[in-house]
Amino acid sequence: MVKTRVGRISHYFSKIGVAVVVVEASLKIGDKISIEGGTTKFEQTVSSMQVDKEAIKAAKKGDSVGMKVDSEVKPNDVVYKL
């Protein structure tokens, strides 16, 4: 399976299960991703993304997006597109 790095986690809000992803390559709703770090490793499908509380369908390099995540993540965990 080929993995492409698409971003990294900058913040995690545990109460709402949302991570802030600094996007390094294009990412869109429906993409299958893997989030990996020292103690983190899980896969999920991107179901929602927001920028400044506005829902978006796609993010591009340089964006910081809020994304609902299925499990706890930590800053500097890496996001890969599968």
Protein backbone atom coordinates (compact mmCIF):
# COMPACT_ATOMS: atom_id res chain seq x y z
CA MET A 1 0.00 0.00 0.00
CA VAL A 2 1.39 3.40 -0.99
CA LYS A 3 1.11 6.14 1.60
CA THR A 4 1.42 9.82 0.73
CA ARG A 5 2.13 12.33 3.49
CA VAL A 6 -0.58 15.00 3.38
CA GLY A 7 -0.13 16.82 6.67
CA ARG A 8 0.58 16.85 10.37
CA ILE A 9 -1.44 17.42 13.52
CA SER A 10 -0.90 20.79 15.21
CA HIS A 11 -3.63 20.62 17.91
CA TYR A 12 -6.13 18.15 19.33
CA PHE A 13 -9.34 19.06 21.14
CA SER A 14 -10.18 15.96 23.19
CA LYS A 15 -13.62 17.12 24.37
CA ILE A 16 -14.94 17.33 20.80
CA GLY A 17 -12.62 14.80 19.12
CA VAL A 18 -11.30 17.30 16.59
CA ALA A 19 -7.74 17.63 15.31
CA VAL A 20 -6.22 20.61 13.54
CA VAL A 21 -4.31 19.41 10.49
CA VAL A 22 -1.70 21.55 8.75
CA VAL A 23 -2.21 20.41 5.16
CA GLU A 24 0.90 19.70 3.05
CA ALA A 25 -0.88 18.20 0.01
CA SER A 26 -4.49 18.15 -1.22
CA LEU A 27 -7.05 16.41 0.98
CA LYS A 28 -10.78 16.02 0.40
CA ILE A 29 -13.91 14.54 1.95
CA GLY A 30 -14.00 10.79 1.31
CA ASP A 31 -10.21 10.32 1.29
CA LYS A 32 -8.96 7.35 3.30
CA ILE A 33 -6.23 8.47 5.69
CA SER A 34 -3.88 7.01 8.28
CA ILE A 35 -2.74 9.04 11.29
CA GLU A 36 0.55 7.83 12.75
CA GLY A 37 2.87 8.88 15.54
CA GLY A 38 4.79 7.55 18.52
CA THR A 39 1.71 6.00 20.14
CA THR A 40 -0.87 6.71 17.41
CA LYS A 41 -1.79 4.51 14.46
CA PHE A 42 -5.28 4.24 12.98
CA GLU A 43 -7.10 4.62 9.68
CA GLN A 44 -10.30 6.49 8.92
CA THR A 45 -12.18 8.16 6.10
CA VAL A 46 -12.31 11.96 6.08
CA SER A 47 -15.95 12.73 6.88
CA SER A 48 -15.84 16.46 7.68
CA MET A 49 -13.41 19.34 7.51
CA GLN A 50 -13.78 22.96 8.55
CA VAL A 51 -11.85 26.20 8.15
CA ASP A 52 -12.93 29.05 10.45
CA LYS A 53 -16.13 27.13 11.36
CA GLU A 54 -17.10 26.85 7.67
CA ALA A 55 -17.51 23.35 6.24
CA ILE A 56 -15.25 22.66 3.26
CA LYS A 57 -15.08 19.78 0.80
CA ALA A 58 -11.36 20.02 -0.02
CA ALA A 59 -8.21 21.49 1.51
CA LYS A 60 -5.01 22.54 -0.22
CA LYS A 61 -1.38 22.90 0.80
CA GLY A 62 -0.98 25.56 3.48
CA ASP A 63 -4.50 25.25 4.92
CA SER A 64 -5.08 24.50 8.60
CA VAL A 65 -8.30 22.53 8.88
CA GLY A 66 -10.34 21.14 11.73
CA MET A 67 -11.12 17.46 11.20
CA LYS A 68 -13.23 15.05 13.24
CA VAL A 69 -11.02 12.09 14.19
CA ASP A 70 -12.01 8.61 15.33
CA SER A 71 -9.29 8.31 17.99
CA GLU A 72 -7.03 10.49 20.12
CA VAL A 73 -4.10 12.10 18.29
CA LYS A 74 -1.09 14.12 19.41
CA PRO A 75 0.68 17.19 18.00
CA ASN A 76 3.18 16.27 15.27
CA ASP A 77 1.43 12.99 14.43
CA VAL A 78 1.63 12.58 10.64
CA VAL A 79 -1.40 12.29 8.35
CA TYR A 80 -1.03 10.03 5.30
CA LYS A 81 -3.43 9.54 2.39
CA LEU A 82 -3.89 5.83 1.56
